[in-house]
């Protein structure tokens, strides 16, 4: 005997939750497309404003498929990477207590674009032991509303999920904040105790790959499990 209740529940979920997730994905993908265009524009503008007088400063945009793009600015590489899945904020997250989400819980389903900061030389010299840092996360829901988690400006300028839209103007501000934050932080000398021992293998590889572990110490970590994969 056919379980009518289960069939109706399945149809309802497809018409609501699944549809919402697809809309969130579409808006996030469109935001990623806009971010690529913004990065291309920044490349041209920075080259004109900085590169002509400082020929040693390298500024280069690179697109890596549909879901990733990066901008090299001097010694920094800022990577924007869109996740292909849709996430839901956990029940304990402060956003879940807002009127915007309580009015419609489906608004909490969001696509995410991660922003990473690497040292450009890590890729140039293929230093596989080097580390990068997650400096921000862009969340976009099915209504094209946006919120950003991150450090400094990324953490407090773009936190009004109920009214902010992922339009060209706002995304440009987010990209600019990410670039500014990355370039402002300098490479710090690691503690002596952390680097006093080097293996023969690492020493032999220094000339070809410079394999000693290097990375910026930004002074923060994101805790695992802040969001749930859906």
Protein backbone atom coordinates (compact mmCIF):
# COMPACT_ATOMS: atom_id res chain seq x y z
CA UNK A 1 0.00 0.00 0.00
CA UNK A 2 1.42 3.38 -0.99
CA UNK A 3 2.41 5.63 1.90
CA UNK A 4 0.58 8.80 0.90
CA UNK A 5 1.85 10.80 3.89
CA UNK A 6 5.51 10.13 3.02
CA UNK A 7 4.89 10.99 -0.63
CA UNK A 8 3.23 14.27 0.31
CA UNK A 9 6.07 15.10 2.71
CA UNK A 10 8.62 14.38 -0.02
CA UNK A 11 6.79 16.60 -2.49
CA UNK A 12 6.57 19.37 0.10
CA UNK A 13 10.31 19.19 0.85
CA UNK A 14 11.17 19.32 -2.85
CA UNK A 15 8.88 22.30 -3.34
CA UNK A 16 10.25 24.21 -0.33
CA UNK A 17 13.66 23.21 1.01
CA UNK A 18 15.18 21.88 -2.21
CA UNK A 19 13.83 24.79 -4.23
CA UNK A 20 15.22 27.23 -1.66
CA UNK A 21 18.66 25.60 -1.84
CA UNK A 22 18.74 25.88 -5.62
CA UNK A 23 17.84 29.56 -5.42
CA UNK A 24 20.57 30.13 -2.83
CA UNK A 25 23.07 28.35 -5.08
CA UNK A 26 22.07 30.45 -8.09
CA UNK A 27 22.45 33.72 -6.16
CA UNK A 28 25.83 32.62 -4.73
CA UNK A 29 27.06 31.60 -8.17
CA UNK A 30 25.99 34.98 -9.54
CA UNK A 31 27.84 36.69 -6.67
CA UNK A 32 30.94 34.67 -7.56
CA UNK A 33 30.62 35.86 -11.15
CA UNK A 34 30.40 39.47 -9.94
CA UNK A 35 33.42 38.99 -7.66
CA UNK A 36 35.46 37.78 -10.64
CA UNK A 37 34.53 40.91 -12.58
CA UNK A 38 35.42 43.06 -9.56
CA UNK A 39 38.82 41.36 -9.21
CA UNK A 40 39.53 41.92 -12.91
CA UNK A 41 38.70 45.60 -12.52
CA UNK A 42 40.87 45.87 -9.42
CA UNK A 43 43.75 44.29 -11.32
CA UNK A 44 43.56 46.96 -14.02
CA UNK A 45 43.05 49.86 -11.60
CA UNK A 46 45.84 48.85 -9.24
CA UNK A 47 48.22 48.27 -12.12
CA UNK A 48 47.51 51.77 -13.41
CA UNK A 49 47.71 53.44 -10.00
CA UNK A 50 50.57 51.47 -8.45
CA UNK A 51 52.29 49.28 -11.00
CA UNK A 52 53.55 52.00 -13.33
CA UNK A 53 55.61 53.71 -10.64
CA UNK A 54 56.51 50.47 -8.83
CA UNK A 55 57.39 47.96 -11.52
CA UNK A 56 58.54 45.42 -8.93
CA UNK A 57 55.03 45.17 -7.48
CA UNK A 58 53.16 42.35 -9.18
CA UNK A 59 49.38 42.49 -9.51
CA UNK A 60 47.73 39.61 -11.33
CA UNK A 61 44.23 38.18 -11.58
CA UNK A 62 43.78 34.46 -12.20
CA UNK A 63 40.53 32.57 -12.72
CA UNK A 64 40.47 28.91 -11.77
CA UNK A 65 37.23 27.51 -13.14
CA UNK A 66 33.69 28.46 -12.29
CA UNK A 67 34.08 28.44 -8.53
CA UNK A 68 37.45 30.01 -7.78
CA UNK A 69 39.37 33.17 -8.56
CA UNK A 70 42.41 34.85 -7.06
CA UNK A 71 44.20 38.17 -7.08
CA UNK A 72 47.93 38.41 -6.44
CA UNK A 73 48.81 41.75 -4.86
CA UNK A 74 52.55 42.11 -4.25
CA UNK A 75 53.46 39.34 -1.77
CA UNK A 76 49.87 38.32 -1.06
CA UNK A 77 47.50 35.97 -2.83
CA UNK A 78 43.82 36.42 -1.98
CA UNK A 79 41.64 33.50 -3.06
CA UNK A 80 37.84 33.54 -3.39
CA UNK A 81 36.46 30.01 -3.46
CA UNK A 82 32.77 29.14 -3.74
CA UNK A 83 31.56 25.93 -2.12
CA UNK A 84 29.20 23.92 -4.30
CA UNK A 85 26.98 22.86 -1.39
CA UNK A 86 24.38 24.84 0.53
CA UNK A 87 24.72 25.26 4.30
CA UNK A 88 22.37 25.94 7.18
CA UNK A 89 23.37 27.94 10.22
CA UNK A 90 23.23 25.84 13.42
CA UNK A 91 20.33 26.40 15.81
CA UNK A 92 22.63 28.03 18.38
CA UNK A 93 23.92 30.65 15.92
CA UNK A 94 22.87 34.21 16.77
CA UNK A 95 21.35 34.65 13.30
CA UNK A 96 18.77 32.01 14.09
CA UNK A 97 17.42 34.24 16.85
CA UNK A 98 16.76 37.19 14.55
CA UNK A 99 13.28 38.12 13.40
CA UNK A 100 14.36 37.72 9.79
CA UNK A 101 15.08 34.00 10.24
CA UNK A 102 12.29 33.32 12.73
CA UNK A 103 9.78 34.69 10.23
CA UNK A 104 10.97 32.15 7.66
CA UNK A 105 13.49 29.49 8.72
CA UNK A 106 14.29 28.67 5.07
CA UNK A 107 16.15 31.98 4.90
CA UNK A 108 18.96 30.40 6.91
CA UNK A 109 19.99 28.15 3.99
CA UNK A 110 22.94 29.83 2.34
CA UNK A 111 25.67 29.37 -0.18
CA UNK A 112 29.19 30.26 0.94
CA UNK A 113 32.22 31.89 -0.67
CA UNK A 114 35.39 31.46 1.39
CA UNK A 115 38.13 34.08 1.30
CA UNK A 116 41.69 32.85 1.91
CA UNK A 117 44.98 34.70 2.27
CA UNK A 118 48.20 32.99 1.16
CA UNK A 119 51.74 34.14 0.56
CA UNK A 120 52.20 34.40 -3.19
CA UNK A 121 55.65 32.78 -2.94
CA UNK A 122 54.05 29.66 -1.44
CA UNK A 123 52.62 28.87 -4.88
CA UNK A 124 55.47 30.37 -6.89
CA UNK A 125 58.02 28.07 -5.25
CA UNK A 126 55.62 25.18 -4.73
CA UNK A 127 56.08 25.24 -0.95
CA UNK A 128 53.58 22.56 -0.09
CA UNK A 129 54.12 22.92 3.66
CA UNK A 130 53.11 26.58 3.72
CA UNK A 131 49.80 27.59 5.24
CA UNK A 132 47.06 30.01 4.27
CA UNK A 133 44.33 31.52 6.39
CA UNK A 134 40.60 31.81 6.12
CA UNK A 135 39.99 35.53 6.58
CA UNK A 136 36.29 35.69 5.74
CA UNK A 137 33.17 33.84 4.65
CA UNK A 138 30.41 35.29 2.49
CA UNK A 139 26.95 33.76 3.01
CA UNK A 140 24.14 34.36 0.51
CA UNK A 141 20.61 32.98 0.83
CA UNK A 142 17.71 32.34 -1.53
CA UNK A 143 16.58 35.97 -1.30
CA UNK A 144 20.04 37.20 -2.32
CA UNK A 145 20.64 38.54 1.17
CA UNK A 146 24.24 38.53 2.34
CA UNK A 147 26.18 38.37 5.58
CA UNK A 148 29.96 38.19 6.02
CA UNK A 149 31.94 36.58 8.84
CA UNK A 150 35.56 37.54 9.26
CA UNK A 151 38.14 39.82 10.79
CA UNK A 152 38.02 43.60 11.23
CA UNK A 153 35.82 45.25 8.58
CA UNK A 154 34.78 41.86 7.26
CA UNK A 155 33.29 41.00 10.64
CA UNK A 156 31.24 44.07 11.50
CA UNK A 157 30.49 46.10 8.37
CA UNK A 158 28.45 43.45 6.58
CA UNK A 159 26.39 41.75 9.29
CA UNK A 160 22.82 42.90 8.59
CA UNK A 161 21.39 39.77 6.98
CA UNK A 162 17.83 41.11 6.88
CA UNK A 163 18.53 44.14 4.67
CA UNK A 164 21.84 43.66 2.83
CA UNK A 165 21.70 42.44 -0.76
CA UNK A 166 24.59 40.83 -2.63
CA UNK A 167 24.70 43.54 -5.26
CA UNK A 168 27.73 44.82 -7.17
CA UNK A 169 28.35 47.74 -4.84
CA UNK A 170 28.36 45.72 -1.61
CA UNK A 171 30.45 42.90 -3.07
CA UNK A 172 33.02 45.45 -4.23
CA UNK A 173 33.29 46.77 -0.67
CA UNK A 174 33.71 43.23 0.70
CA UNK A 175 36.47 42.45 -1.83
CA UNK A 176 38.24 45.70 -1.04
CA UNK A 177 38.07 45.00 2.71
CA UNK A 178 39.52 41.52 2.16
CA UNK A 179 42.41 42.88 0.09
CA UNK A 180 43.14 45.63 2.60
CA UNK A 181 43.11 43.22 5.54
CA UNK A 182 45.44 40.79 3.77
CA UNK A 183 48.00 43.38 2.69
CA UNK A 184 48.04 45.07 6.11
CA UNK A 185 49.20 41.90 7.87
CA UNK A 186 52.90 41.18 7.58
CA UNK A 187 54.90 37.98 7.65
CA UNK A 188 56.12 37.38 11.20
CA UNK A 189 59.33 35.63 12.20
CA UNK A 190 58.35 32.25 13.70
CA UNK A 191 59.50 31.40 17.24
CA UNK A 192 63.07 30.10 17.29
CA UNK A 193 62.00 26.89 19.04
CA UNK A 194 59.63 26.10 16.16
CA UNK A 195 62.31 26.20 13.46
CA UNK A 196 65.52 25.17 15.18
CA UNK A 197 65.40 21.65 13.73
CA UNK A 198 65.43 20.98 9.99
CA UNK A 199 65.47 17.55 8.37
CA UNK A 200 68.07 16.57 5.77
CA UNK A 201 65.24 16.20 3.25
CA UNK A 202 64.01 19.75 3.89
CA UNK A 203 67.53 21.13 3.66
CA UNK A 204 68.16 19.36 0.37
CA UNK A 205 64.93 20.72 -1.04
CA UNK A 206 65.39 24.34 0.00
CA UNK A 207 67.17 25.40 -3.19
CA UNK A 208 64.47 23.96 -5.42
CA UNK A 209 61.24 24.37 -3.46
CA UNK A 210 62.11 26.35 -0.32
CA UNK A 211 60.08 23.85 1.66
CA UNK A 212 60.41 25.28 5.17
CA UNK A 213 56.91 25.96 6.45
CA UNK A 214 55.92 29.62 6.12
CA UNK A 215 52.73 31.53 6.72
CA UNK A 216 51.29 34.67 8.22
CA UNK A 217 50.27 34.51 11.84
CA UNK A 218 47.00 36.39 11.90
CA UNK A 219 46.15 35.63 15.50
CA UNK A 220 42.80 33.91 15.13
CA UNK A 221 41.25 30.59 14.23
CA UNK A 222 37.80 29.61 13.08
CA UNK A 223 36.36 26.79 15.17
CA UNK A 224 35.28 23.70 13.30
CA UNK A 225 31.59 22.89 13.20
CA UNK A 226 30.23 26.41 13.06
CA UNK A 227 27.96 25.48 10.19
CA UNK A 228 26.23 22.32 9.11
CA UNK A 229 26.62 20.84 5.64
CA UNK A 230 23.33 20.19 3.96
